[in-house]
Amino acid sequence: MKQVARKSLAAMALAVGLIGLSAGTAVADPTAAAQGCWRSYKGWRCDNNRDIRVEWAGKEVGRLLTSPSWFKCRYEGDPTGGGGPHPNRWIYTQADTTANWGFVKDSDVISETNTLPTC
């Protein structure tokens, strides 16, 4: 009798543990679309990775240090090497560190950039 009670108790504890685990664990939907960039005073704001390269003609001209950042437009051009849903898309912005203008890879921008106007 004690052995049956122990097995039942163990099974119940396991079931409760699994229910608690599944109820407390949220898994992001990998197919969910990223939130788009939003209109801001004289431009657009997008969530982005921090400390990313701003490039002009293949050379680093500064870095974006913060997120979200301000962006002007998007450009479809040479491959960025960053992959993602827009592997040839560059986003025009002004660097935080130098105030120079240039492009960041679309793969460094977390927000969906389809909302940005074309350059």
PDB file of N, CA and C in Angstrom:
ATOM      1  N   MET A   1       0.816  -1.190   0.000  1.00  0.00           N
ATOM      2  CA  MET A   1       0.000   0.000   0.000  1.00  0.00           C
ATOM      3  C   MET A   1       0.863   1.259   0.000  1.00  0.00           C
ATOM      4  N   LYS A   2       1.921   1.276   0.858  1.00  0.00           N
ATOM      5  CA  LYS A   2       2.798   2.437   0.915  1.00  0.00           C
ATOM      6  C   LYS A   2       3.513   2.636  -0.417  1.00  0.00           C
ATOM      7  N   GLN A   3       3.888   1.528  -1.074  1.00  0.00           N
ATOM      8  CA  GLN A   3       4.598   1.619  -2.344  1.00  0.00           C
ATOM      9  C   GLN A   3       3.685   2.212  -3.426  1.00  0.00           C
ATOM     10  N   VAL A   4       2.426   1.815  -3.462  1.00  0.00           N
ATOM     11  CA  VAL A   4       1.458   2.347  -4.425  1.00  0.00           C
ATOM     12  C   VAL A   4       1.240   3.832  -4.166  1.00  0.00           C
ATOM     13  N   ALA A   5       1.124   4.206  -2.897  1.00  0.00           N
ATOM     14  CA  ALA A   5       0.921   5.612  -2.538  1.00  0.00           C
ATOM     15  C   ALA A   5       2.125   6.447  -2.957  1.00  0.00           C
ATOM     16  N   ARG A   6       3.342   5.910  -2.749  1.00  0.00           N
ATOM     17  CA  ARG A   6       4.555   6.619  -3.145  1.00  0.00           C
ATOM     18  C   ARG A   6       4.608   6.826  -4.656  1.00  0.00           C
ATOM     19  N   LYS A   7       4.273   5.779  -5.414  1.00  0.00           N
ATOM     20  CA  LYS A   7       4.281   5.881  -6.879  1.00  0.00           C
ATOM     21  C   LYS A   7       3.248   6.904  -7.350  1.00  0.00           C
ATOM     22  N   SER A   8       2.069   6.891  -6.732  1.00  0.00           N
ATOM     23  CA  SER A   8       1.023   7.854  -7.099  1.00  0.00           C
ATOM     24  C   SER A   8       1.465   9.276  -6.779  1.00  0.00           C
ATOM     25  N   LEU A   9       2.087   9.441  -5.621  1.00  0.00           N
ATOM     26  CA  LEU A   9       2.574  10.754  -5.209  1.00  0.00           C
ATOM     27  C   LEU A   9       3.668  11.237  -6.162  1.00  0.00           C
ATOM     28  N   ALA A  10       4.572  10.343  -6.542  1.00  0.00           N
ATOM     29  CA  ALA A  10       5.647  10.702  -7.466  1.00  0.00           C
ATOM     30  C   ALA A  10       5.081  11.076  -8.832  1.00  0.00           C
ATOM     31  N   ALA A  11       4.101  10.318  -9.310  1.00  0.00           N
ATOM     32  CA  ALA A  11       3.478  10.613 -10.602  1.00  0.00           C
ATOM     33  C   ALA A  11       2.765  11.956 -10.559  1.00  0.00           C
ATOM     34  N   MET A  12       2.094  12.246  -9.442  1.00  0.00           N
ATOM     35  CA  MET A  12       1.382  13.508  -9.301  1.00  0.00           C
ATOM     36  C   MET A  12       2.375  14.673  -9.265  1.00  0.00           C
ATOM     37  N   ALA A  13       3.472  14.511  -8.548  1.00  0.00           N
ATOM     38  CA  ALA A  13       4.485  15.564  -8.463  1.00  0.00           C
ATOM     39  C   ALA A  13       5.091  15.828  -9.839  1.00  0.00           C
ATOM     40  N   LEU A  14       5.341  14.760 -10.586  1.00  0.00           N
ATOM     41  CA  LEU A  14       5.887  14.912 -11.930  1.00  0.00           C
ATOM     42  C   LEU A  14       4.895  15.649 -12.827  1.00  0.00           C
ATOM     43  N   ALA A  15       3.639  15.275 -12.759  1.00  0.00           N
ATOM     44  CA  ALA A  15       2.608  15.920 -13.577  1.00  0.00           C
ATOM     45  C   ALA A  15       2.475  17.393 -13.226  1.00  0.00           C
ATOM     46  N   VAL A  16       2.457  17.717 -11.949  1.00  0.00           N
ATOM     47  CA  VAL A  16       2.350  19.110 -11.515  1.00  0.00           C
ATOM     48  C   VAL A  16       3.583  19.888 -11.964  1.00  0.00           C
ATOM     49  N   GLY A  17       4.755  19.280 -11.854  1.00  0.00           N
ATOM     50  CA  GLY A  17       5.987  19.930 -12.296  1.00  0.00           C
ATOM     51  C   GLY A  17       5.963  20.224 -13.781  1.00  0.00           C
ATOM     52  N   LEU A  18       5.490  19.274 -14.575  1.00  0.00           N
ATOM     53  CA  LEU A  18       5.419  19.484 -16.017  1.00  0.00           C
ATOM     54  C   LEU A  18       4.394  20.544 -16.378  1.00  0.00           C
ATOM     55  N   ILE A  19       3.270  20.549 -15.689  1.00  0.00           N
ATOM     56  CA  ILE A  19       2.255  21.574 -15.946  1.00  0.00           C
ATOM     57  C   ILE A  19       2.812  22.945 -15.590  1.00  0.00           C
ATOM     58  N   GLY A  20       3.479  23.034 -14.452  1.00  0.00           N
ATOM     59  CA  GLY A  20       4.076  24.306 -14.041  1.00  0.00           C
ATOM     60  C   GLY A  20       5.137  24.762 -15.022  1.00  0.00           C
ATOM     61  N   LEU A  21       5.915  23.820 -15.535  1.00  0.00           N
ATOM     62  CA  LEU A  21       6.965  24.158 -16.482  1.00  0.00           C
ATOM     63  C   LEU A  21       6.370  24.672 -17.779  1.00  0.00           C
ATOM     64  N   SER A  22       5.363  23.979 -18.278  1.00  0.00           N
ATOM     65  CA  SER A  22       4.786  24.413 -19.548  1.00  0.00           C
ATOM     66  C   SER A  22       4.014  25.718 -19.392  1.00  0.00           C
ATOM     67  N   ALA A  23       3.420  25.948 -18.254  1.00  0.00           N
ATOM     68  CA  ALA A  23       2.664  27.185 -18.047  1.00  0.00           C
ATOM     69  C   ALA A  23       3.588  28.372 -17.844  1.00  0.00           C
ATOM     70  N   GLY A  24       4.777  28.139 -17.290  1.00  0.00           N
ATOM     71  CA  GLY A  24       5.671  29.244 -16.979  1.00  0.00           C
ATOM     72  C   GLY A  24       6.710  29.522 -18.045  1.00  0.00           C
ATOM     73  N   THR A  25       6.761  28.732 -19.093  1.00  0.00           N
ATOM     74  CA  THR A  25       7.780  28.899 -20.108  1.00  0.00           C
ATOM     75  C   THR A  25       7.153  29.428 -21.385  1.00  0.00           C
ATOM     76  N   ALA A  26       7.540  30.617 -21.767  1.00  0.00           N
ATOM     77  CA  ALA A  26       7.039  31.194 -23.013  1.00  0.00           C
ATOM     78  C   ALA A  26       8.094  31.011 -24.093  1.00  0.00           C
ATOM     79  N   VAL A  27       7.680  30.571 -25.241  1.00  0.00           N
ATOM     80  CA  VAL A  27       8.588  30.384 -26.362  1.00  0.00           C
ATOM     81  C   VAL A  27       8.159  31.336 -27.466  1.00  0.00           C
ATOM     82  N   ALA A  28       9.112  32.128 -27.957  1.00  0.00           N
ATOM     83  CA  ALA A  28       8.800  33.080 -29.022  1.00  0.00           C
ATOM     84  C   ALA A  28       8.507  32.343 -30.315  1.00  0.00           C
ATOM     85  N   ASP A  29       7.557  32.842 -31.047  1.00  0.00           N
ATOM     86  CA  ASP A  29       7.206  32.267 -32.342  1.00  0.00           C
ATOM     87  C   ASP A  29       8.232  32.746 -33.363  1.00  0.00           C
ATOM     88  N   PRO A  30       9.068  31.838 -33.906  1.00  0.00           N
ATOM     89  CA  PRO A  30      10.115  32.265 -34.835  1.00  0.00           C
ATOM     90  C   PRO A  30       9.563  32.818 -36.145  1.00  0.00           C
ATOM     91  N   THR A  31       8.301  32.553 -36.447  1.00  0.00           N
ATOM     92  CA  THR A  31       7.714  33.064 -37.686  1.00  0.00           C
ATOM     93  C   THR A  31       7.030  34.412 -37.484  1.00  0.00           C
ATOM     94  N   ALA A  32       6.978  34.886 -36.247  1.00  0.00           N
ATOM     95  CA  ALA A  32       6.327  36.172 -35.970  1.00  0.00           C
ATOM     96  C   ALA A  32       7.141  37.306 -36.589  1.00  0.00           C
ATOM     97  N   ALA A  33       6.465  38.250 -37.200  1.00  0.00           N
ATOM     98  CA  ALA A  33       7.138  39.383 -37.831  1.00  0.00           C
ATOM     99  C   ALA A  33       7.622  40.369 -36.777  1.00  0.00           C
ATOM    100  N   ALA A  34       8.783  40.982 -37.048  1.00  0.00           N
ATOM    101  CA  ALA A  34       9.307  42.006 -36.153  1.00  0.00           C
ATOM    102  C   ALA A  34       8.419  43.244 -36.245  1.00  0.00           C
ATOM    103  N   GLN A  35       8.332  43.986 -35.160  1.00  0.00           N
ATOM    104  CA  GLN A  35       7.586  45.250 -35.145  1.00  0.00           C
ATOM    105  C   GLN A  35       8.279  46.221 -36.092  1.00  0.00           C
ATOM    106  N   GLY A  36       7.539  46.986 -36.853  1.00  0.00           N
ATOM    107  CA  GLY A  36       8.118  47.916 -37.817  1.00  0.00           C
ATOM    108  C   GLY A  36       8.690  49.168 -37.178  1.00  0.00           C
ATOM    109  N   CYS A  37       9.520  49.864 -37.940  1.00  0.00           N
ATOM    110  CA  CYS A  37      10.040  51.161 -37.511  1.00  0.00           C
ATOM    111  C   CYS A  37       8.869  52.137 -37.435  1.00  0.00           C
ATOM    112  N   TRP A  38       8.998  53.177 -36.638  1.00  0.00           N
ATOM    113  CA  TRP A  38       7.904  54.123 -36.458  1.00  0.00           C
ATOM    114  C   TRP A  38       8.357  55.537 -36.792  1.00  0.00           C
ATOM    115  N   ARG A  39       7.412  56.332 -37.243  1.00  0.00           N
ATOM    116  CA  ARG A  39       7.667  57.711 -37.650  1.00  0.00           C
ATOM    117  C   ARG A  39       8.035  58.542 -36.434  1.00  0.00           C
ATOM    118  N   SER A  40       9.032  59.376 -36.613  1.00  0.00           N
ATOM    119  CA  SER A  40       9.486  60.266 -35.562  1.00  0.00           C
ATOM    120  C   SER A  40       9.769  61.625 -36.207  1.00  0.00           C
ATOM    121  N   TYR A  41       9.983  62.624 -35.407  1.00  0.00           N
ATOM    122  CA  TYR A  41      10.244  63.968 -35.913  1.00  0.00           C
ATOM    123  C   TYR A  41      11.336  63.935 -36.986  1.00  0.00           C
ATOM    124  N   LYS A  42      11.007  64.325 -38.207  1.00  0.00           N
ATOM    125  CA  LYS A  42      11.941  64.399 -39.342  1.00  0.00           C
ATOM    126  C   LYS A  42      12.645  63.083 -39.655  1.00  0.00           C
ATOM    127  N   GLY A  43      12.058  61.969 -39.343  1.00  0.00           N
ATOM    128  CA  GLY A  43      12.703  60.701 -39.669  1.00  0.00           C
ATOM    129  C   GLY A  43      11.940  59.515 -39.125  1.00  0.00           C
ATOM    130  N   TRP A  44      12.669  58.463 -38.884  1.00  0.00           N
ATOM    131  CA  TRP A  44      12.102  57.203 -38.405  1.00  0.00           C
ATOM    132  C   TRP A  44      12.950  56.668 -37.275  1.00  0.00           C
ATOM    133  N   ARG A  45      12.311  55.986 -36.331  1.00  0.00           N
ATOM    134  CA  ARG A  45      13.021  55.335 -35.221  1.00  0.00           C
ATOM    135  C   ARG A  45      12.847  53.834 -35.382  1.00  0.00           C
ATOM    136  N   CYS A  46      13.927  53.104 -35.125  1.00  0.00           N
ATOM    137  CA  CYS A  46      13.902  51.641 -35.214  1.00  0.00           C
ATOM    138  C   CYS A  46      14.715  51.075 -34.057  1.00  0.00           C
ATOM    139  N   ASP A  47      14.293  49.919 -33.569  1.00  0.00           N
ATOM    140  CA  ASP A  47      15.112  49.183 -32.609  1.00  0.00           C
ATOM    141  C   ASP A  47      16.266  48.557 -33.378  1.00  0.00           C
ATOM    142  N   ASN A  48      17.438  48.582 -32.786  1.00  0.00           N
ATOM    143  CA  ASN A  48      18.628  48.058 -33.455  1.00  0.00           C
ATOM    144  C   ASN A  48      19.588  47.469 -32.432  1.00  0.00           C
ATOM    145  N   ASN A  49      20.553  46.695 -32.925  1.00  0.00           N
ATOM    146  CA  ASN A  49      21.635  46.229 -32.060  1.00  0.00           C
ATOM    147  C   ASN A  49      22.442  47.447 -31.636  1.00  0.00           C
ATOM    148  N   ARG A  50      23.097  47.343 -30.504  1.00  0.00           N
ATOM    149  CA  ARG A  50      23.919  48.455 -30.014  1.00  0.00           C
ATOM    150  C   ARG A  50      25.362  48.300 -30.491  1.00  0.00           C
ATOM    151  N   ASP A  51      26.048  49.416 -30.583  1.00  0.00           N
ATOM    152  CA  ASP A  51      27.459  49.477 -30.980  1.00  0.00           C
ATOM    153  C   ASP A  51      27.680  48.809 -32.338  1.00  0.00           C
ATOM    154  N   ILE A  52      26.993  49.326 -33.355  1.00  0.00           N
ATOM    155  CA  ILE A  52      27.115  48.772 -34.704  1.00  0.00           C
ATOM    156  C   ILE A  52      27.816  49.759 -35.632  1.00  0.00           C
ATOM    157  N   ARG A  53      28.440  49.202 -36.658  1.00  0.00           N
ATOM    158  CA  ARG A  53      29.188  49.996 -37.641  1.00  0.00           C
ATOM    159  C   ARG A  53      28.257  50.823 -38.521  1.00  0.00           C
ATOM    160  N   VAL A  54      28.644  52.065 -38.743  1.00  0.00           N
ATOM    161  CA  VAL A  54      28.037  52.898 -39.778  1.00  0.00           C
ATOM    162  C   VAL A  54      29.097  53.000 -40.869  1.00  0.00           C
ATOM    163  N   GLU A  55      28.727  52.628 -42.104  1.00  0.00           N
ATOM    164  CA  GLU A  55      29.703  52.537 -43.189  1.00  0.00           C
ATOM    165  C   GLU A  55      29.372  53.488 -44.328  1.00  0.00           C
ATOM    166  N   TRP A  56      30.428  53.918 -45.009  1.00  0.00           N
ATOM    167  CA  TRP A  56      30.292  54.654 -46.256  1.00  0.00           C
ATOM    168  C   TRP A  56      31.378  54.129 -47.190  1.00  0.00           C
ATOM    169  N   ALA A  57      30.975  53.657 -48.353  1.00  0.00           N
ATOM    170  CA  ALA A  57      31.900  53.104 -49.350  1.00  0.00           C
ATOM    171  C   ALA A  57      32.775  52.002 -48.746  1.00  0.00           C
ATOM    172  N   GLY A  58      32.169  51.165 -47.904  1.00  0.00           N
ATOM    173  CA  GLY A  58      32.881  50.016 -47.342  1.00  0.00           C
ATOM    174  C   GLY A  58      33.783  50.320 -46.159  1.00  0.00           C
ATOM    175  N   LYS A  59      33.840  51.564 -45.733  1.00  0.00           N
ATOM    176  CA  LYS A  59      34.694  51.934 -44.599  1.00  0.00           C
ATOM    177  C   LYS A  59      33.836  52.411 -43.438  1.00  0.00           C
ATOM    178  N   GLU A  60      34.288  52.095 -42.234  1.00  0.00           N
ATOM    179  CA  GLU A  60      33.574  52.551 -41.041  1.00  0.00           C
ATOM    180  C   GLU A  60      33.765  54.051 -40.876  1.00  0.00           C
ATOM    181  N   VAL A  61      32.639  54.771 -40.739  1.00  0.00           N
ATOM    182  CA  VAL A  61      32.691  56.223 -40.538  1.00  0.00           C
ATOM    183  C   VAL A  61      32.176  56.616 -39.159  1.00  0.00           C
ATOM    184  N   GLY A  62      31.760  55.638 -38.370  1.00  0.00           N
ATOM    185  CA  GLY A  62      31.265  55.880 -37.025  1.00  0.00           C
ATOM    186  C   GLY A  62      30.504  54.673 -36.520  1.00  0.00           C
ATOM    187  N   ARG A  63      29.851  54.847 -35.367  1.00  0.00           N
ATOM    188  CA  ARG A  63      29.095  53.748 -34.770  1.00  0.00           C
ATOM    189  C   ARG A  63      27.786  54.271 -34.186  1.00  0.00           C
ATOM    190  N   LEU A  64      26.781  53.397 -34.192  1.00  0.00           N
ATOM    191  CA  LEU A  64      25.533  53.661 -33.471  1.00  0.00           C
ATOM    192  C   LEU A  64      25.657  52.976 -32.124  1.00  0.00           C
ATOM    193  N   LEU A  65      25.504  53.714 -31.058  1.00  0.00           N
ATOM    194  CA  LEU A  65      25.704  53.166 -29.718  1.00  0.00           C
ATOM    195  C   LEU A  65      24.407  52.828 -29.002  1.00  0.00           C
ATOM    196  N   THR A  66      23.316  53.463 -29.386  1.00  0.00           N
ATOM    197  CA  THR A  66      22.070  53.332 -28.633  1.00  0.00           C
ATOM    198  C   THR A  66      20.976  52.647 -29.452  1.00  0.00           C
ATOM    199  N   SER A  67      19.941  52.253 -28.768  1.00  0.00           N
ATOM    200  CA  SER A  67      18.745  51.709 -29.407  1.00  0.00           C
ATOM    201  C   SER A  67      17.543  52.157 -28.592  1.00  0.00           C
ATOM    202  N   PRO A  68      16.489  52.637 -29.236  1.00  0.00           N
ATOM    203  CA  PRO A  68      16.351  52.748 -30.683  1.00  0.00           C
ATOM    204  C   PRO A  68      17.192  53.894 -31.232  1.00  0.00           C
ATOM    205  N   SER A  69      17.387  53.865 -32.541  1.00  0.00           N
ATOM    206  CA  SER A  69      18.144  54.914 -33.222  1.00  0.00           C
ATOM    207  C   SER A  69      17.282  55.558 -34.294  1.00  0.00           C
ATOM    208  N   TRP A  70      17.763  56.671 -34.803  1.00  0.00           N
ATOM    209  CA  TRP A  70      17.063  57.455 -35.808  1.00  0.00           C
ATOM    210  C   TRP A  70      17.600  57.070 -37.181  1.00  0.00           C
ATOM    211  N   PHE A  71      16.703  56.851 -38.141  1.00  0.00           N
ATOM    212  CA  PHE A  71      17.093  56.472 -39.495  1.00  0.00           C
ATOM    213  C   PHE A  71      16.352  57.332 -40.503  1.00  0.00           C
ATOM    214  N   LYS A  72      16.939  57.493 -41.679  1.00  0.00           N
ATOM    215  CA  LYS A  72      16.373  58.354 -42.720  1.00  0.00           C
ATOM    216  C   LYS A  72      15.643  57.555 -43.805  1.00  0.00           C
ATOM    217  N   CYS A  73      16.287  56.496 -44.336  1.00  0.00           N
ATOM    218  CA  CYS A  73      15.701  55.752 -45.447  1.00  0.00           C
ATOM    219  C   CYS A  73      16.421  54.414 -45.625  1.00  0.00           C
ATOM    220  N   ARG A  74      15.918  53.615 -46.574  1.00  0.00           N
ATOM    221  CA  ARG A  74      16.515  52.301 -46.864  1.00  0.00           C
ATOM    222  C   ARG A  74      16.969  52.258 -48.316  1.00  0.00           C
ATOM    223  N   TYR A  75      18.011  51.463 -48.558  1.00  0.00           N
ATOM    224  CA  TYR A  75      18.587  51.357 -49.894  1.00  0.00           C
ATOM    225  C   TYR A  75      18.837  49.892 -50.212  1.00  0.00           C
ATOM    226  N   GLU A  76      18.343  49.431 -51.361  1.00  0.00           N
ATOM    227  CA  GLU A  76      18.614  48.068 -51.817  1.00  0.00           C
ATOM    228  C   GLU A  76      19.859  48.135 -52.688  1.00  0.00           C
ATOM    229  N   GLY A  77      20.932  47.454 -52.264  1.00  0.00           N
ATOM    230  CA  GLY A  77      22.188  47.547 -53.001  1.00  0.00           C
ATOM    231  C   GLY A  77      22.987  46.270 -52.928  1.00  0.00           C
ATOM    232  N   ASP A  78      24.280  46.430 -52.712  1.00  0.00           N
ATOM    233  CA  ASP A  78      25.181  45.283 -52.629  1.00  0.00           C
ATOM    234  C   ASP A  78      24.839  44.430 -51.419  1.00  0.00           C
ATOM    235  N   PRO A  79      25.165  43.135 -51.462  1.00  0.00           N
ATOM    236  CA  PRO A  79      24.918  42.266 -50.306  1.00  0.00           C
ATOM    237  C   PRO A  79      25.617  42.806 -49.057  1.00  0.00           C
ATOM    238  N   THR A  80      24.915  42.738 -47.932  1.00  0.00           N
ATOM    239  CA  THR A  80      25.478  43.244 -46.673  1.00  0.00           C
ATOM    240  C   THR A  80      26.383  42.221 -46.004  1.00  0.00           C
ATOM    241  N   GLY A  81      26.204  40.948 -46.350  1.00  0.00           N
ATOM    242  CA  GLY A  81      26.947  39.890 -45.672  1.00  0.00           C
ATOM    243  C   GLY A  81      26.333  39.536 -44.335  1.00  0.00           C
ATOM    244  N   GLY A  82      25.204  40.167 -43.998  1.00  0.00           N
ATOM    245  CA  GLY A  82      24.574  39.934 -42.707  1.00  0.00           C
ATOM    246  C   GLY A  82      23.392  38.991 -42.732  1.00  0.00           C
ATOM    247  N   GLY A  83      22.957  38.581 -43.924  1.00  0.00           N
ATOM    248  CA  GLY A  83      21.811  37.674 -44.018  1.00  0.00           C
ATOM    249  C   GLY A  83      20.522  38.371 -43.640  1.00  0.00           C
ATOM    250  N   GLY A  84      19.623  37.617 -43.015  1.00  0.00           N
ATOM    251  CA  GLY A  84      18.342  38.173 -42.599  1.00  0.00           C
ATOM    252  C   GLY A  84      17.355  38.230 -43.747  1.00  0.00           C
ATOM    253  N   PRO A  85      16.188  38.814 -43.487  1.00  0.00           N
ATOM    254  CA  PRO A  85      15.145  38.845 -44.516  1.00  0.00           C
ATOM    255  C   PRO A  85      15.453  39.801 -45.674  1.00  0.00           C
ATOM    256  N   HIS A  86      16.388  40.728 -45.479  1.00  0.00           N
ATOM    257  CA  HIS A  86      16.729  41.704 -46.524  1.00  0.00           C
ATOM    258  C   HIS A  86      18.257  41.738 -46.684  1.00  0.00           C
ATOM    259  N   PRO A  87      18.853  40.727 -47.315  1.00  0.00           N
ATOM    260  CA  PRO A  87      20.317  40.614 -47.351  1.00  0.00           C
ATOM    261  C   PRO A  87      21.022  41.677 -48.189  1.00  0.00           C
ATOM    262  N   ASN A  88      20.277  42.457 -48.967  1.00  0.00           N
ATOM    263  CA  ASN A  88      20.883  43.513 -49.783  1.00  0.00           C
ATOM    264  C   ASN A  88      20.445  44.910 -49.340  1.00  0.00           C
ATOM    265  N   ARG A  89      19.865  45.006 -48.157  1.00  0.00           N
ATOM    266  CA  ARG A  89      19.305  46.288 -47.706  1.00  0.00           C
ATOM    267  C   ARG A  89      20.246  46.984 -46.728  1.00  0.00           C
ATOM    268  N   TRP A  90      20.457  48.260 -46.986  1.00  0.00           N
ATOM    269  CA  TRP A  90      21.243  49.136 -46.130  1.00  0.00           C
ATOM    270  C   TRP A  90      20.332  50.247 -45.623  1.00  0.00           C
ATOM    271  N   ILE A  91      20.559  50.698 -44.387  1.00  0.00           N
ATOM    272  CA  ILE A  91      19.718  51.708 -43.757  1.00  0.00           C
ATOM    273  C   ILE A  91      20.573  52.960 -43.489  1.00  0.00           C
ATOM    274  N   TYR A  92      20.124  54.108 -44.011  1.00  0.00           N
ATOM    275  CA  TYR A  92      20.875  55.361 -43.938  1.00  0.00           C
ATOM    276  C   TYR A  92      20.631  56.061 -42.605  1.00  0.00           C
ATOM    277  N   THR A  93      21.720  56.477 -41.962  1.00  0.00           N
ATOM    278  CA  THR A  93      21.630  57.100 -40.638  1.00  0.00           C
ATOM    279  C   THR A  93      22.848  57.978 -40.373  1.00  0.00           C
ATOM    280  N   GLN A  94      22.834  58.617 -39.234  1.00  0.00           N
ATOM    281  CA  GLN A  94      23.962  59.426 -38.784  1.00  0.00           C
ATOM    282  C   GLN A  94      24.580  58.754 -37.568  1.00  0.00           C
ATOM    283  N   ALA A  95      25.890  58.569 -37.599  1.00  0.00           N
ATOM    284  CA  ALA A  95      26.600  57.883 -36.516  1.00  0.00           C
ATOM    285  C   ALA A  95      26.540  58.680 -35.214  1.00  0.00           C
ATOM    286  N   ASP A  96      26.407  57.959 -34.105  1.00  0.00           N
ATOM    287  CA  ASP A  96      26.424  58.593 -32.779  1.00  0.00           C
ATOM    288  C   ASP A  96      27.813  59.118 -32.432  1.00  0.00           C
ATOM    289  N   THR A  97      28.843  58.380 -32.823  1.00  0.00           N
ATOM    290  CA  THR A  97      30.192  58.691 -32.350  1.00  0.00           C
ATOM    291  C   THR A  97      30.877  59.809 -33.122  1.00  0.00           C
ATOM    292  N   THR A  98      30.524  60.006 -34.396  1.00  0.00           N
ATOM    293  CA  THR A  98      31.241  60.987 -35.215  1.00  0.00           C
ATOM    294  C   THR A  98      30.337  62.002 -35.899  1.00  0.00           C
ATOM    295  N   ALA A  99      29.031  61.771 -35.891  1.00  0.00           N
ATOM    296  CA  ALA A  99      28.039  62.586 -36.613  1.00  0.00           C
ATOM    297  C   ALA A  99      28.184  62.460 -38.128  1.00  0.00           C
ATOM    298  N   ASN A 100      29.002  61.516 -38.603  1.00  0.00           N
ATOM    299  CA  ASN A 100      29.103  61.253 -40.039  1.00  0.00           C
ATOM    300  C   ASN A 100      27.886  60.462 -40.499  1.00  0.00           C
ATOM    301  N   TRP A 101      27.502  60.647 -41.760  1.00  0.00           N
ATOM    302  CA  TRP A 101      26.385  59.923 -42.351  1.00  0.00           C
ATOM    303  C   TRP A 101      26.891  58.674 -43.050  1.00  0.00           C
ATOM    304  N   GLY A 102      26.073  57.622 -43.007  1.00  0.00           N
ATOM    305  CA  GLY A 102      26.432  56.381 -43.679  1.00  0.00           C
ATOM    306  C   GLY A 102      25.311  55.363 -43.544  1.00  0.00           C
ATOM    307  N   PHE A 103      25.643  54.118 -43.809  1.00  0.00           N
ATOM    308  CA  PHE A 103      24.656  53.045 -43.818  1.00  0.00           C
ATOM    309  C   PHE A 103      25.001  51.968 -42.801  1.00  0.00           C
ATOM    310  N   VAL A 104      23.963  51.369 -42.224  1.00  0.00           N
ATOM    311  CA  VAL A 104      24.129  50.176 -41.383  1.00  0.00           C
ATOM    312  C   VAL A 104      23.456  49.011 -42.101  1.00  0.00           C
ATOM    313  N   LYS A 105      23.915  47.813 -41.804  1.00  0.00           N
ATOM    314  CA  LYS A 105      23.312  46.614 -42.383  1.00  0.00           C
ATOM    315  C   LYS A 105      21.903  46.439 -41.838  1.00  0.00           C
ATOM    316  N   ASP A 106      20.991  46.047 -42.702  1.00  0.00           N
ATOM    317  CA  ASP A 106      19.619  45.783 -42.260  1.00  0.00           C
ATOM    318  C   ASP A 106      19.596  44.719 -41.170  1.00  0.00           C
ATOM    319  N   SER A 107      20.511  43.763 -41.224  1.00  0.00           N
ATOM    320  CA  SER A 107      20.530  42.690 -40.220  1.00  0.00           C
ATOM    321  C   SER A 107      20.883  43.206 -38.829  1.00  0.00           C
ATOM    322  N   ASP A 108      21.429  44.425 -38.724  1.00  0.00           N
ATOM    323  CA  ASP A 108      21.708  45.027 -37.420  1.00  0.00           C
ATOM    324  C   ASP A 108      20.518  45.817 -36.879  1.00  0.00           C
ATOM    325  N   VAL A 109      19.473  45.940 -37.685  1.00  0.00           N
ATOM    326  CA  VAL A 109      18.252  46.629 -37.261  1.00  0.00           C
ATOM    327  C   VAL A 109      17.222  45.566 -36.898  1.00  0.00           C
ATOM    328  N   ILE A 110      16.749  45.593 -35.668  1.00  0.00           N
ATOM    329  CA  ILE A 110      15.815  44.582 -35.161  1.00  0.00           C
ATOM    330  C   ILE A 110      14.413  44.807 -35.719  1.00  0.00           C
ATOM    331  N   SER A 111      14.000  46.052 -35.814  1.00  0.00           N
ATOM    332  CA  SER A 111      12.667  46.375 -36.337  1.00  0.00           C
ATOM    333  C   SER A 111      12.584  46.033 -37.822  1.00  0.00           C
ATOM    334  N   GLU A 112      11.384  45.713 -38.282  1.00  0.00           N
ATOM    335  CA  GLU A 112      11.162  45.509 -39.720  1.00  0.00           C
ATOM    336  C   GLU A 112      11.318  46.856 -40.411  1.00  0.00           C
ATOM    337  N   THR A 113      12.137  46.912 -41.461  1.00  0.00           N
ATOM    338  CA  THR A 113      12.475  48.179 -42.109  1.00  0.00           C
ATOM    339  C   THR A 113      11.667  48.469 -43.373  1.00  0.00           C
ATOM    340  N   ASN A 114      10.682  47.653 -43.689  1.00  0.00           N
ATOM    341  CA  ASN A 114       9.842  47.920 -44.866  1.00  0.00           C
ATOM    342  C   ASN A 114       9.093  49.241 -44.741  1.00  0.00           C
ATOM    343  N   THR A 115       8.883  49.718 -43.522  1.00  0.00           N
ATOM    344  CA  THR A 115       8.158  50.977 -43.319  1.00  0.00           C
ATOM    345  C   THR A 115       8.989  52.199 -43.696  1.00  0.00           C
ATOM    346  N   LEU A 116      10.314  52.055 -43.772  1.00  0.00           N
ATOM    347  CA  LEU A 116      11.173  53.188 -44.127  1.00  0.00           C
ATOM    348  C   LEU A 116      11.001  53.541 -45.599  1.00  0.00           C
ATOM    349  N   PRO A 117      11.070  54.838 -45.932  1.00  0.00           N
ATOM    350  CA  PRO A 117      11.017  55.203 -47.350  1.00  0.00           C
ATOM    351  C   PRO A 117      12.311  54.784 -48.049  1.00  0.00           C
ATOM    352  N   THR A 118      12.257  54.644 -49.367  1.00  0.00           N
ATOM    353  CA  THR A 118      13.477  54.335 -50.107  1.00  0.00           C
ATOM    354  C   THR A 118      14.299  55.611 -50.256  1.00  0.00           C
ATOM    355  N   CYS A 119      15.605  55.458 -50.299  1.00  0.00           N
ATOM    356  CA  CYS A 119      16.512  56.609 -50.431  1.00  0.00           C
ATOM    357  C   CYS A 119      16.496  57.133 -51.859  1.00  0.00           C
TER     358      CYS A 119
END
